[in-house]
């Protein structure tokens, strides 16, 4: 497909240049899967650049019942003979920080709860939700895989490391979570032994 360049705030096509309109030629014939979509912000742009934007809050005003999803991603292995030699992920995000010495507050993923109009009238459940459809037969065993195979994180007894190899100390506070619908608490520490 043609290269698409976004060089301004992503609202109502304002600030776009190059090919900012997706046509039938930009989709795989028959299944309408968007592929080879590249976003290159202009070098002089200092605002916000977004690859994909959905105004779900305004397009779904007054919707009742069911489920609303801003972005849906899925991988499906259709047969028992499927063999994956790499990894299988519904969403794979890569942040390329390059050699820049000013990379802002860099995250792999960010979730903000908001209310663009009026005052918040209900309490959100959680920032992230995990579910398991096979809790007894080959269930997922780990909530997180920190330092997955071939991508180890920094570790050590002290210093600026993600994983510390010593016991924590100075218990102070906790995080509230839910496990199978029951509220639990993860203790937090302000220091390490």
N, C-alpha and C. Protein backbone atom coordinates (compact mmCIF):
# COMPACT_ATOMS: atom_id res chain seq x y z
N UNK A 1 0.83 -1.19 0.00
CA UNK A 1 0.00 0.00 0.00
C UNK A 1 0.86 1.24 0.00
N UNK A 2 0.26 2.37 -0.27
CA UNK A 2 0.99 3.63 -0.25
C UNK A 2 1.37 4.00 1.18
N UNK A 3 2.50 4.68 1.32
CA UNK A 3 2.92 5.12 2.65
C UNK A 3 1.98 6.19 3.17
N UNK A 4 1.59 6.07 4.43
CA UNK A 4 0.73 7.05 5.06
C UNK A 4 1.52 7.82 6.11
N UNK A 5 1.53 9.14 6.02
CA UNK A 5 2.28 9.97 6.94
C UNK A 5 1.35 10.85 7.74
N UNK A 6 1.42 10.78 9.05
CA UNK A 6 0.65 11.66 9.92
C UNK A 6 1.62 12.70 10.48
N UNK A 7 1.31 13.97 10.33
CA UNK A 7 2.24 14.99 10.80
C UNK A 7 1.59 16.01 11.73
N UNK A 8 0.41 15.71 12.23
CA UNK A 8 -0.25 16.67 13.10
C UNK A 8 -1.18 15.99 14.07
N UNK A 9 -1.93 16.77 14.85
CA UNK A 9 -2.88 16.16 15.78
C UNK A 9 -3.91 15.35 15.03
N UNK A 10 -4.21 14.17 15.53
CA UNK A 10 -5.08 13.26 14.80
C UNK A 10 -6.53 13.53 15.15
N UNK A 11 -7.11 14.53 14.53
CA UNK A 11 -8.52 14.87 14.73
C UNK A 11 -9.11 15.30 13.40
N UNK A 12 -10.12 14.56 12.95
CA UNK A 12 -10.85 14.90 11.73
C UNK A 12 -9.95 15.13 10.53
N UNK A 13 -8.89 14.32 10.41
CA UNK A 13 -7.95 14.41 9.29
C UNK A 13 -7.16 15.71 9.23
N UNK A 14 -7.22 16.54 10.25
CA UNK A 14 -6.44 17.78 10.26
C UNK A 14 -4.97 17.47 10.48
N UNK A 15 -4.11 18.11 9.73
CA UNK A 15 -2.68 17.95 9.94
C UNK A 15 -2.07 16.77 9.24
N UNK A 16 -2.84 16.00 8.46
CA UNK A 16 -2.27 14.86 7.76
C UNK A 16 -1.63 15.34 6.46
N UNK A 17 -0.62 14.59 6.00
CA UNK A 17 -0.11 14.84 4.66
C UNK A 17 0.15 13.52 3.98
N UNK A 18 0.57 13.55 2.75
CA UNK A 18 0.77 12.35 1.94
C UNK A 18 -0.56 11.63 1.77
N UNK A 19 -0.55 10.30 1.80
CA UNK A 19 -1.77 9.52 1.56
C UNK A 19 -2.50 9.30 2.88
N UNK A 20 -3.46 10.18 3.21
CA UNK A 20 -4.15 10.04 4.49
C UNK A 20 -5.51 9.36 4.33
N UNK A 21 -5.85 8.89 3.14
CA UNK A 21 -7.12 8.24 2.91
C UNK A 21 -6.91 6.77 2.55
N UNK A 22 -7.53 5.88 3.32
CA UNK A 22 -7.42 4.46 3.04
C UNK A 22 -8.50 4.06 2.03
N UNK A 23 -8.09 3.45 0.94
CA UNK A 23 -9.02 3.03 -0.11
C UNK A 23 -9.02 1.51 -0.22
N UNK A 24 -9.84 1.00 -1.14
CA UNK A 24 -9.93 -0.44 -1.33
C UNK A 24 -8.57 -1.06 -1.66
N UNK A 25 -7.70 -0.29 -2.30
CA UNK A 25 -6.38 -0.79 -2.66
C UNK A 25 -5.50 -1.01 -1.44
N UNK A 26 -5.87 -0.41 -0.30
CA UNK A 26 -5.09 -0.54 0.92
C UNK A 26 -5.47 -1.77 1.74
N UNK A 27 -6.43 -2.54 1.30
CA UNK A 27 -6.90 -3.70 2.04
C UNK A 27 -6.62 -4.98 1.27
N UNK A 28 -6.48 -6.08 2.00
CA UNK A 28 -6.33 -7.38 1.35
C UNK A 28 -7.67 -7.75 0.73
N UNK A 29 -7.67 -8.16 -0.50
CA UNK A 29 -8.90 -8.44 -1.23
C UNK A 29 -9.74 -9.50 -0.54
N UNK A 30 -11.01 -9.20 -0.34
CA UNK A 30 -11.95 -10.17 0.20
C UNK A 30 -12.12 -10.10 1.70
N UNK A 31 -11.01 -10.07 2.48
CA UNK A 31 -11.14 -10.11 3.94
C UNK A 31 -10.97 -8.74 4.60
N UNK A 32 -10.56 -7.76 3.87
CA UNK A 32 -10.41 -6.40 4.37
C UNK A 32 -9.52 -6.32 5.61
N UNK A 33 -8.37 -6.95 5.55
CA UNK A 33 -7.38 -6.86 6.62
C UNK A 33 -6.39 -5.75 6.29
N UNK A 34 -6.21 -4.82 7.20
CA UNK A 34 -5.27 -3.72 6.99
C UNK A 34 -3.85 -4.22 7.22
N UNK A 35 -2.98 -4.05 6.24
CA UNK A 35 -1.61 -4.54 6.37
C UNK A 35 -0.63 -3.45 5.93
N UNK A 36 0.62 -3.62 6.33
CA UNK A 36 1.70 -2.73 5.90
C UNK A 36 1.36 -1.26 6.12
N UNK A 37 0.97 -0.95 7.35
CA UNK A 37 0.54 0.41 7.68
C UNK A 37 1.66 1.09 8.45
N UNK A 38 2.30 2.09 7.85
CA UNK A 38 3.45 2.75 8.45
C UNK A 38 3.12 4.20 8.77
N UNK A 39 3.47 4.63 9.98
CA UNK A 39 3.28 6.02 10.39
C UNK A 39 4.64 6.65 10.63
N UNK A 40 4.92 7.73 9.92
CA UNK A 40 6.19 8.43 10.07
C UNK A 40 5.91 9.90 10.40
N UNK A 41 6.07 10.29 11.69
CA UNK A 41 5.82 11.68 12.05
C UNK A 41 6.83 12.61 11.40
N UNK A 42 6.38 13.79 11.01
CA UNK A 42 7.27 14.78 10.43
C UNK A 42 8.33 15.18 11.45
N UNK A 43 9.54 15.39 11.00
CA UNK A 43 10.66 15.67 11.91
C UNK A 43 10.45 16.95 12.71
N UNK A 44 9.65 17.88 12.18
CA UNK A 44 9.46 19.16 12.85
C UNK A 44 8.24 19.18 13.77
N UNK A 45 7.49 18.06 13.81
CA UNK A 45 6.27 18.06 14.62
C UNK A 45 6.60 17.82 16.08
N UNK A 46 6.02 18.63 16.98
CA UNK A 46 6.33 18.52 18.41
C UNK A 46 5.10 18.18 19.25
N UNK A 47 3.98 17.89 18.61
CA UNK A 47 2.76 17.58 19.35
C UNK A 47 2.56 16.10 19.50
N UNK A 48 1.33 15.64 19.31
CA UNK A 48 0.97 14.23 19.48
C UNK A 48 0.80 13.56 18.12
N UNK A 49 1.38 12.40 17.97
CA UNK A 49 1.26 11.63 16.74
C UNK A 49 0.66 10.26 17.10
N UNK A 50 -0.40 9.87 16.42
CA UNK A 50 -1.04 8.58 16.68
C UNK A 50 -1.18 7.80 15.39
N UNK A 51 -0.94 6.50 15.46
CA UNK A 51 -1.04 5.67 14.27
C UNK A 51 -2.50 5.34 13.95
N UNK A 52 -3.28 4.98 14.98
CA UNK A 52 -4.68 4.64 14.78
C UNK A 52 -5.50 5.35 15.84
N UNK A 53 -6.59 5.95 15.43
CA UNK A 53 -7.43 6.70 16.35
C UNK A 53 -8.88 6.29 16.16
N UNK A 54 -9.59 6.05 17.28
CA UNK A 54 -11.01 5.75 17.21
C UNK A 54 -11.77 6.61 18.19
N UNK A 55 -12.76 7.34 17.71
CA UNK A 55 -13.55 8.20 18.58
C UNK A 55 -14.75 7.44 19.11
N UNK A 56 -14.47 6.38 19.87
CA UNK A 56 -15.54 5.50 20.34
C UNK A 56 -16.50 6.21 21.28
N UNK A 57 -16.01 7.22 22.00
CA UNK A 57 -16.88 7.90 22.96
C UNK A 57 -18.00 8.66 22.27
N UNK A 58 -17.74 9.22 21.09
CA UNK A 58 -18.78 9.97 20.41
C UNK A 58 -19.60 9.10 19.46
N UNK A 59 -18.99 8.06 18.91
CA UNK A 59 -19.70 7.21 17.95
C UNK A 59 -20.67 6.26 18.62
N UNK A 60 -20.51 6.05 19.91
CA UNK A 60 -21.35 5.07 20.59
C UNK A 60 -22.22 5.72 21.66
N UNK A 61 -22.47 7.00 21.55
CA UNK A 61 -23.31 7.67 22.54
C UNK A 61 -24.68 7.02 22.62
N UNK A 62 -25.11 6.71 23.82
CA UNK A 62 -26.43 6.14 24.01
C UNK A 62 -26.51 4.64 23.84
N UNK A 63 -25.37 3.97 23.60
CA UNK A 63 -25.38 2.52 23.44
C UNK A 63 -25.73 1.86 24.77
N UNK A 64 -26.59 0.84 24.74
CA UNK A 64 -26.96 0.12 25.95
C UNK A 64 -26.79 -1.38 25.73
N UNK A 65 -26.33 -2.07 26.78
CA UNK A 65 -26.21 -3.52 26.72
C UNK A 65 -25.01 -4.00 25.94
N UNK A 66 -24.67 -5.28 26.11
CA UNK A 66 -23.59 -5.87 25.34
C UNK A 66 -22.22 -5.42 25.78
N UNK A 67 -21.28 -5.45 24.86
CA UNK A 67 -19.88 -5.13 25.12
C UNK A 67 -19.39 -4.11 24.12
N UNK A 68 -18.58 -3.17 24.58
CA UNK A 68 -17.96 -2.20 23.68
C UNK A 68 -16.45 -2.34 23.79
N UNK A 69 -15.77 -2.43 22.65
CA UNK A 69 -14.32 -2.62 22.61
C UNK A 69 -13.73 -1.58 21.67
N UNK A 70 -12.73 -0.86 22.15
CA UNK A 70 -12.08 0.14 21.31
C UNK A 70 -11.16 -0.48 20.27
N UNK A 71 -10.49 -1.55 20.63
CA UNK A 71 -9.56 -2.23 19.72
C UNK A 71 -9.57 -3.72 20.04
N UNK A 72 -9.79 -4.56 19.03
CA UNK A 72 -9.85 -6.00 19.23
C UNK A 72 -8.76 -6.67 18.40
N UNK A 73 -7.97 -7.51 19.05
CA UNK A 73 -6.92 -8.25 18.35
C UNK A 73 -6.98 -9.71 18.76
N UNK A 74 -6.79 -10.62 17.80
CA UNK A 74 -6.91 -12.06 18.07
C UNK A 74 -6.00 -12.84 17.14
N UNK A 75 -5.42 -13.90 17.68
CA UNK A 75 -4.77 -14.90 16.84
C UNK A 75 -5.54 -16.19 17.03
N UNK A 76 -5.70 -16.98 15.98
CA UNK A 76 -6.46 -18.22 16.06
C UNK A 76 -5.69 -19.36 15.40
N UNK A 77 -5.51 -20.46 16.12
CA UNK A 77 -4.92 -21.66 15.54
C UNK A 77 -6.07 -22.59 15.22
N UNK A 78 -6.40 -22.71 13.95
CA UNK A 78 -7.61 -23.39 13.55
C UNK A 78 -7.58 -24.90 13.59
N UNK A 79 -6.40 -25.51 13.58
CA UNK A 79 -6.33 -26.96 13.55
C UNK A 79 -5.36 -27.48 14.59
N UNK A 80 -5.48 -28.78 14.92
CA UNK A 80 -4.60 -29.40 15.91
C UNK A 80 -3.18 -29.56 15.38
N UNK A 81 -2.99 -29.39 14.08
CA UNK A 81 -1.66 -29.58 13.50
C UNK A 81 -0.86 -28.28 13.44
N UNK A 82 -1.42 -27.19 13.96
CA UNK A 82 -0.70 -25.93 13.94
C UNK A 82 0.57 -26.03 14.77
N UNK A 83 1.66 -25.51 14.24
CA UNK A 83 2.94 -25.51 14.95
C UNK A 83 3.54 -24.12 14.91
N UNK A 84 3.70 -23.51 16.08
CA UNK A 84 4.28 -22.18 16.17
C UNK A 84 5.69 -22.31 16.72
N UNK A 85 6.68 -21.83 16.00
CA UNK A 85 8.07 -21.94 16.44
C UNK A 85 8.56 -20.66 17.10
N UNK A 86 7.83 -19.58 16.95
CA UNK A 86 8.19 -18.32 17.61
C UNK A 86 7.32 -18.11 18.82
N UNK A 87 6.67 -16.95 18.92
CA UNK A 87 5.69 -16.74 19.98
C UNK A 87 4.36 -16.35 19.37
N UNK A 88 3.29 -16.56 20.12
CA UNK A 88 1.93 -16.30 19.66
C UNK A 88 1.33 -15.22 20.55
N UNK A 89 1.07 -14.04 20.01
CA UNK A 89 0.57 -12.93 20.80
C UNK A 89 -0.51 -12.19 20.04
N UNK A 90 -1.59 -11.84 20.72
CA UNK A 90 -2.65 -11.06 20.09
C UNK A 90 -2.18 -9.63 19.81
N UNK A 91 -1.36 -9.10 20.70
CA UNK A 91 -0.81 -7.75 20.52
C UNK A 91 0.68 -7.79 20.81
N UNK A 92 1.48 -7.23 19.93
CA UNK A 92 2.93 -7.16 20.12
C UNK A 92 3.35 -5.72 19.92
N UNK A 93 3.85 -5.11 20.97
CA UNK A 93 4.25 -3.71 20.89
C UNK A 93 5.75 -3.56 21.04
N UNK A 94 6.36 -2.75 20.21
CA UNK A 94 7.79 -2.47 20.28
C UNK A 94 7.99 -0.96 20.32
N UNK A 95 8.73 -0.49 21.29
CA UNK A 95 9.07 0.93 21.37
C UNK A 95 10.55 1.06 21.03
N UNK A 96 10.85 1.65 19.89
CA UNK A 96 12.23 1.83 19.45
C UNK A 96 12.71 3.19 19.92
N UNK A 97 13.52 3.23 20.99
CA UNK A 97 13.98 4.50 21.54
C UNK A 97 15.22 5.02 20.82
N UNK A 98 15.88 4.15 20.04
CA UNK A 98 17.02 4.61 19.26
C UNK A 98 18.11 5.24 20.11
N UNK A 99 18.95 6.10 19.52
CA UNK A 99 20.04 6.72 20.27
C UNK A 99 19.66 8.05 20.92
N UNK A 100 18.38 8.41 20.89
CA UNK A 100 17.98 9.72 21.40
C UNK A 100 18.26 9.84 22.90
N UNK A 101 18.71 11.02 23.33
CA UNK A 101 18.96 11.27 24.75
C UNK A 101 17.74 11.87 25.44
N UNK A 102 16.68 12.13 24.71
CA UNK A 102 15.44 12.67 25.30
C UNK A 102 14.28 11.86 24.74
N UNK A 103 13.80 10.89 25.52
CA UNK A 103 12.78 9.97 25.04
C UNK A 103 11.47 10.10 25.80
N UNK A 104 11.34 11.16 26.61
CA UNK A 104 10.09 11.39 27.32
C UNK A 104 9.83 10.31 28.37
N UNK A 105 8.61 10.25 28.85
CA UNK A 105 8.21 9.20 29.79
C UNK A 105 7.82 7.99 28.95
N UNK A 106 8.75 7.07 28.77
CA UNK A 106 8.59 5.98 27.82
C UNK A 106 7.95 4.76 28.47
N UNK A 107 6.90 4.25 27.86
CA UNK A 107 6.19 3.07 28.35
C UNK A 107 5.95 2.10 27.20
N UNK A 108 5.79 0.84 27.55
CA UNK A 108 5.37 -0.14 26.55
C UNK A 108 3.88 -0.04 26.27
N UNK A 109 3.11 0.36 27.26
CA UNK A 109 1.67 0.55 27.10
C UNK A 109 1.16 1.49 28.18
N UNK A 110 0.18 2.32 27.84
CA UNK A 110 -0.37 3.29 28.78
C UNK A 110 -1.89 3.23 28.73
N UNK A 111 -2.53 3.21 29.89
CA UNK A 111 -3.99 3.21 29.98
C UNK A 111 -4.42 4.32 30.94
N UNK A 112 -5.24 5.24 30.47
CA UNK A 112 -5.79 6.30 31.30
C UNK A 112 -7.30 6.16 31.36
N UNK A 113 -7.87 6.28 32.55
CA UNK A 113 -9.32 6.36 32.69
C UNK A 113 -9.71 7.83 32.57
N UNK A 114 -10.76 8.10 31.82
CA UNK A 114 -11.12 9.50 31.57
C UNK A 114 -12.63 9.66 31.51
N UNK A 115 -13.08 10.90 31.56
CA UNK A 115 -14.46 11.26 31.30
C UNK A 115 -14.42 12.58 30.56
N UNK A 116 -14.61 12.50 29.24
CA UNK A 116 -14.44 13.67 28.39
C UNK A 116 -15.59 14.66 28.52
N UNK A 117 -16.73 14.19 28.97
CA UNK A 117 -17.86 15.09 29.17
C UNK A 117 -18.49 14.82 30.53
N UNK A 118 -18.93 15.85 31.19
CA UNK A 118 -19.64 15.68 32.45
C UNK A 118 -18.75 15.21 33.58
N UNK A 119 -19.37 14.66 34.62
CA UNK A 119 -18.68 14.16 35.80
C UNK A 119 -18.80 12.65 35.85
N UNK A 120 -17.74 11.98 36.25
CA UNK A 120 -17.76 10.52 36.31
C UNK A 120 -18.87 10.04 37.24
N UNK A 121 -19.70 9.12 36.74
CA UNK A 121 -20.86 8.67 37.51
C UNK A 121 -20.79 7.20 37.89
N UNK A 122 -19.70 6.51 37.51
CA UNK A 122 -19.55 5.10 37.85
C UNK A 122 -18.08 4.79 38.06
N UNK A 123 -17.79 3.70 38.78
CA UNK A 123 -16.42 3.31 39.10
C UNK A 123 -15.91 2.26 38.13
N UNK A 124 -14.82 2.52 37.39
CA UNK A 124 -14.24 1.49 36.52
C UNK A 124 -13.75 0.30 37.34
N UNK A 125 -13.72 -0.87 36.74
CA UNK A 125 -13.33 -2.10 37.45
C UNK A 125 -11.83 -2.22 37.64
N UNK A 126 -11.06 -2.04 36.60
CA UNK A 126 -9.61 -2.20 36.70
C UNK A 126 -8.94 -1.60 35.48
N UNK A 127 -7.64 -1.30 35.60
CA UNK A 127 -6.90 -0.80 34.46
C UNK A 127 -6.60 -1.93 33.47
N UNK A 128 -6.39 -3.13 33.96
CA UNK A 128 -6.12 -4.28 33.11
C UNK A 128 -6.91 -5.48 33.62
N UNK A 129 -7.49 -6.26 32.72
CA UNK A 129 -8.22 -7.46 33.10
C UNK A 129 -7.63 -8.69 32.44
N UNK A 130 -7.52 -9.78 33.21
CA UNK A 130 -7.02 -11.05 32.69
C UNK A 130 -8.11 -12.10 32.85
N UNK A 131 -8.32 -12.91 31.85
CA UNK A 131 -9.33 -13.97 31.94
C UNK A 131 -8.80 -15.27 31.38
N UNK A 132 -9.36 -16.37 31.83
CA UNK A 132 -8.94 -17.71 31.39
C UNK A 132 -10.17 -18.52 31.04
N UNK A 133 -10.23 -19.04 29.80
CA UNK A 133 -11.38 -19.84 29.37
C UNK A 133 -11.18 -21.33 29.59
N UNK A 134 -9.99 -21.73 30.07
CA UNK A 134 -9.73 -23.14 30.35
C UNK A 134 -8.99 -23.24 31.67
N UNK A 135 -9.72 -23.07 32.76
CA UNK A 135 -9.08 -23.00 34.08
C UNK A 135 -8.69 -24.36 34.64
N UNK A 136 -9.14 -25.46 34.00
CA UNK A 136 -8.81 -26.79 34.51
C UNK A 136 -7.98 -27.62 33.55
N UNK A 137 -8.05 -27.35 32.26
CA UNK A 137 -7.28 -28.11 31.27
C UNK A 137 -6.23 -27.21 30.63
N UNK A 138 -4.98 -27.46 30.91
CA UNK A 138 -3.87 -26.67 30.38
C UNK A 138 -4.08 -25.17 30.55
N UNK A 139 -4.34 -24.71 31.78
CA UNK A 139 -4.58 -23.28 31.98
C UNK A 139 -3.28 -22.48 31.87
N UNK A 140 -3.41 -21.19 31.65
CA UNK A 140 -2.26 -20.30 31.68
C UNK A 140 -1.76 -20.24 33.13
N UNK A 141 -0.49 -20.46 33.36
CA UNK A 141 0.04 -20.60 34.71
C UNK A 141 0.61 -19.32 35.30
N UNK A 142 0.99 -18.37 34.47
CA UNK A 142 1.66 -17.18 34.97
C UNK A 142 0.90 -15.91 34.60
N UNK A 143 0.79 -15.00 35.56
CA UNK A 143 0.18 -13.70 35.27
C UNK A 143 1.09 -12.88 34.37
N UNK A 144 2.38 -12.92 34.64
CA UNK A 144 3.36 -12.17 33.87
C UNK A 144 4.56 -13.05 33.58
N UNK A 145 5.23 -12.79 32.47
CA UNK A 145 6.50 -13.43 32.15
C UNK A 145 7.52 -12.30 32.03
N UNK A 146 8.15 -11.99 33.14
CA UNK A 146 9.08 -10.86 33.19
C UNK A 146 10.47 -11.35 32.78
N UNK A 147 11.00 -10.79 31.71
CA UNK A 147 12.27 -11.26 31.18
C UNK A 147 12.08 -12.54 30.40
N UNK A 148 11.13 -12.52 29.47
CA UNK A 148 10.81 -13.73 28.71
C UNK A 148 12.04 -14.22 27.95
N UNK A 149 11.95 -15.44 27.45
CA UNK A 149 13.08 -16.12 26.82
C UNK A 149 13.73 -15.23 25.77
N UNK A 150 15.01 -14.99 25.95
CA UNK A 150 15.77 -14.17 25.00
C UNK A 150 15.65 -12.69 25.23
N UNK A 151 14.83 -12.27 26.23
CA UNK A 151 14.62 -10.84 26.50
C UNK A 151 14.72 -10.59 28.01
N UNK A 152 15.82 -11.01 28.62
CA UNK A 152 15.98 -10.87 30.07
C UNK A 152 16.01 -9.42 30.51
N UNK A 153 15.43 -9.15 31.68
CA UNK A 153 15.43 -7.81 32.25
C UNK A 153 16.63 -7.64 33.17
N UNK A 154 16.91 -6.39 33.53
CA UNK A 154 18.03 -6.10 34.42
C UNK A 154 17.77 -6.70 35.80
N UNK A 155 18.81 -7.30 36.40
CA UNK A 155 18.66 -7.89 37.72
C UNK A 155 19.93 -7.69 38.52
N UNK A 156 19.79 -7.77 39.85
CA UNK A 156 20.94 -7.60 40.73
C UNK A 156 20.48 -7.35 42.14
N UNK A 157 21.43 -7.22 43.06
CA UNK A 157 21.11 -7.04 44.47
C UNK A 157 20.66 -5.61 44.78
N UNK A 158 21.06 -4.65 43.96
CA UNK A 158 20.69 -3.25 44.21
C UNK A 158 20.92 -2.45 42.94
N UNK A 159 20.58 -1.19 43.01
CA UNK A 159 20.79 -0.30 41.87
C UNK A 159 19.56 -0.22 40.98
N UNK A 160 19.72 0.34 39.80
CA UNK A 160 18.62 0.53 38.86
C UNK A 160 18.37 -0.75 38.07
N UNK A 161 17.75 -1.73 38.75
CA UNK A 161 17.43 -3.00 38.11
C UNK A 161 15.94 -3.27 38.26
N UNK A 162 15.37 -3.98 37.31
CA UNK A 162 13.95 -4.31 37.37
C UNK A 162 13.67 -5.42 38.37
N UNK A 163 14.54 -6.41 38.39
CA UNK A 163 14.37 -7.55 39.30
C UNK A 163 15.50 -7.56 40.32
N UNK A 164 15.14 -7.45 41.62
CA UNK A 164 16.16 -7.50 42.67
C UNK A 164 16.27 -8.91 43.21
N UNK A 165 17.49 -9.32 43.47
CA UNK A 165 17.77 -10.70 43.89
C UNK A 165 17.85 -10.85 45.40
N UNK A 166 17.48 -9.80 46.15
CA UNK A 166 17.51 -9.86 47.61
C UNK A 166 16.11 -9.65 48.16
N UNK A 167 15.91 -10.04 49.43
CA UNK A 167 14.60 -9.91 50.06
C UNK A 167 14.25 -8.44 50.29
N UNK A 168 12.97 -8.09 50.19
CA UNK A 168 12.56 -6.71 50.45
C UNK A 168 12.47 -6.42 51.94
N UNK A 169 12.39 -5.13 52.28
CA UNK A 169 12.22 -4.71 53.67
C UNK A 169 11.32 -3.49 53.69
N UNK A 170 10.98 -3.02 54.86
CA UNK A 170 10.18 -1.81 55.05
C UNK A 170 8.84 -1.89 54.31
N UNK A 171 7.99 -2.82 54.77
CA UNK A 171 6.66 -2.97 54.18
C UNK A 171 5.87 -1.68 54.35
N UNK A 172 5.31 -1.17 53.27
CA UNK A 172 4.55 0.08 53.34
C UNK A 172 3.55 0.15 52.20
N UNK A 173 2.30 -0.22 52.47
CA UNK A 173 1.25 -0.09 51.47
C UNK A 173 1.01 -1.35 50.68
N UNK A 174 0.00 -1.31 49.83
CA UNK A 174 -0.37 -2.46 49.01
C UNK A 174 -1.17 -2.00 47.80
N UNK A 175 -1.27 -2.89 46.82
CA UNK A 175 -2.09 -2.66 45.63
C UNK A 175 -3.30 -3.57 45.69
N UNK A 176 -4.46 -3.03 45.37
CA UNK A 176 -5.70 -3.81 45.37
C UNK A 176 -5.88 -4.48 44.01
N UNK A 177 -6.16 -5.78 44.03
CA UNK A 177 -6.44 -6.53 42.81
C UNK A 177 -7.63 -7.44 43.07
N UNK A 178 -8.13 -8.07 42.02
CA UNK A 178 -9.16 -9.09 42.16
C UNK A 178 -8.65 -10.39 41.59
N UNK A 179 -8.88 -11.49 42.31
CA UNK A 179 -8.52 -12.82 41.84
C UNK A 179 -9.78 -13.67 41.87
N UNK A 180 -10.25 -14.11 40.70
CA UNK A 180 -11.50 -14.88 40.58
C UNK A 180 -12.66 -14.18 41.28
N UNK A 181 -12.72 -12.86 41.11
CA UNK A 181 -13.82 -12.09 41.65
C UNK A 181 -13.68 -11.67 43.10
N UNK A 182 -12.59 -12.08 43.77
CA UNK A 182 -12.38 -11.76 45.18
C UNK A 182 -11.28 -10.72 45.32
N UNK A 183 -11.52 -9.68 46.09
CA UNK A 183 -10.53 -8.64 46.30
C UNK A 183 -9.36 -9.15 47.13
N UNK A 184 -8.15 -8.91 46.63
CA UNK A 184 -6.92 -9.29 47.33
C UNK A 184 -5.98 -8.08 47.32
N UNK A 185 -4.86 -8.21 48.06
CA UNK A 185 -3.92 -7.10 48.15
C UNK A 185 -2.49 -7.61 47.99
N UNK A 186 -1.71 -6.92 47.16
CA UNK A 186 -0.29 -7.24 46.97
C UNK A 186 0.52 -6.26 47.82
N UNK A 187 1.33 -6.76 48.77
CA UNK A 187 2.11 -5.84 49.62
C UNK A 187 3.20 -5.13 48.83
N UNK A 188 3.50 -3.92 49.24
CA UNK A 188 4.54 -3.11 48.60
C UNK A 188 5.61 -2.76 49.63
N UNK A 189 6.84 -2.63 49.16
CA UNK A 189 7.96 -2.34 50.05
C UNK A 189 8.66 -1.08 49.57
N UNK A 190 9.21 -0.34 50.51
CA UNK A 190 9.93 0.89 50.18
C UNK A 190 11.43 0.69 50.17
N UNK A 191 11.89 -0.52 50.46
CA UNK A 191 13.32 -0.80 50.46
C UNK A 191 13.59 -2.26 50.30
N UNK A 192 14.89 -2.61 50.18
CA UNK A 192 15.30 -3.99 50.06
C UNK A 192 16.45 -4.25 51.03
N UNK A 193 16.54 -5.46 51.53
CA UNK A 193 17.55 -5.80 52.52
C UNK A 193 18.93 -5.85 51.88
